[in-house]
Protein backbone atom coordinates (compact mmCIF):
# COMPACT_ATOMS: atom_id res chain seq x y z
CA MET A 1 30.63 -22.47 34.87
CA VAL A 2 28.60 -21.62 31.72
CA VAL A 3 30.42 -20.19 28.71
CA LYS A 4 28.34 -18.11 26.31
CA THR A 5 29.36 -18.08 22.68
CA LYS A 6 28.29 -15.55 20.08
CA LYS A 7 26.22 -16.76 17.17
CA LYS A 8 27.83 -16.50 13.78
CA VAL A 9 26.13 -13.94 11.62
CA ALA A 10 26.46 -14.07 7.83
CA PRO A 11 27.61 -10.79 6.27
CA LYS A 12 24.78 -8.88 4.64
CA LYS A 13 24.76 -8.86 0.88
CA LYS A 14 23.97 -5.71 -1.08
CA ALA A 15 20.70 -5.87 -3.00
CA ALA A 16 21.16 -6.13 -6.74
CA LYS A 17 19.79 -3.15 -8.60
CA PRO A 18 17.64 -3.85 -11.68
CA LYS A 19 19.40 -2.94 -14.90
CA SER A 20 16.36 -1.43 -16.55
CA ARG A 21 13.41 0.23 -14.90
CA LYS A 22 9.99 -1.02 -15.88
CA PRO A 23 7.06 1.36 -15.85
CA ALA A 24 4.91 1.13 -12.73
CA PHE A 25 1.81 -1.02 -12.88
CA GLY A 26 -1.14 1.34 -13.06
CA GLY A 27 -3.95 -1.16 -12.45
CA TYR A 28 -7.32 -1.18 -14.08
CA ALA A 29 -9.91 1.55 -14.41
CA ILE A 30 -13.32 -0.13 -14.07
CA ASN A 31 -16.51 1.84 -14.56
CA PHE A 32 -19.78 0.48 -13.17
CA ALA A 33 -21.74 3.74 -13.74
CA GLY A 34 -25.16 3.28 -15.28
CA ARG A 35 -25.28 -0.50 -14.77
CA THR A 36 -28.69 -2.02 -13.99
CA GLU A 37 -27.53 -5.51 -13.01
CA THR A 38 -28.15 -6.62 -9.44
CA ILE A 39 -25.76 -8.51 -7.21
CA GLU A 40 -27.90 -11.61 -7.65
CA HIS A 41 -27.50 -11.31 -11.42
CA VAL A 42 -23.68 -11.25 -11.11
CA PHE A 43 -23.11 -13.68 -8.22
CA GLY A 44 -26.27 -15.79 -8.10
CA LYS A 45 -28.55 -16.32 -5.09
CA LYS A 46 -26.53 -18.98 -3.24
CA PRO A 47 -23.78 -18.06 -0.79
CA ILE A 48 -20.31 -18.37 -2.33
CA PRO A 49 -16.78 -17.94 -0.94
CA PRO A 50 -14.82 -14.75 -1.64
CA SER A 51 -12.53 -16.51 -4.13
CA GLU A 52 -15.52 -17.48 -6.23
CA MET A 53 -16.84 -13.88 -6.00
CA THR A 54 -13.58 -12.60 -7.41
CA LYS A 55 -13.73 -15.04 -10.31
CA LYS A 56 -17.34 -14.11 -11.10
CA ILE A 57 -16.84 -10.35 -10.89
CA TRP A 58 -13.84 -10.52 -13.27
CA ALA A 59 -15.83 -12.74 -15.68
CA PHE A 60 -18.62 -10.11 -15.58
CA ILE A 61 -16.19 -7.23 -16.14
CA LYS A 62 -14.59 -8.94 -19.11
CA SER A 63 -17.87 -10.06 -20.67
CA GLU A 64 -19.35 -6.57 -20.42
CA HIS A 65 -16.11 -4.76 -21.43
CA LEU A 66 -16.11 -2.56 -18.35
CA SER A 67 -12.33 -2.21 -17.97
CA ASN A 68 -9.93 0.00 -19.85
CA ARG A 69 -7.89 -2.98 -21.06
């Protein structure tokens, strides 16, 4: 004869509410209008992984002051 037992379940805790609300993150506004650079100029001619592309595009944005921050 097999006896089934119920699994013990921990009582759910209520989520703690933040005491002060922070303003929502609005992100960046980046404007590439009127740019004459090519993809090869920004990334180079060799294949690169996506993580390296992200680093290079942000370096380009910061060096050219294309963001609103």
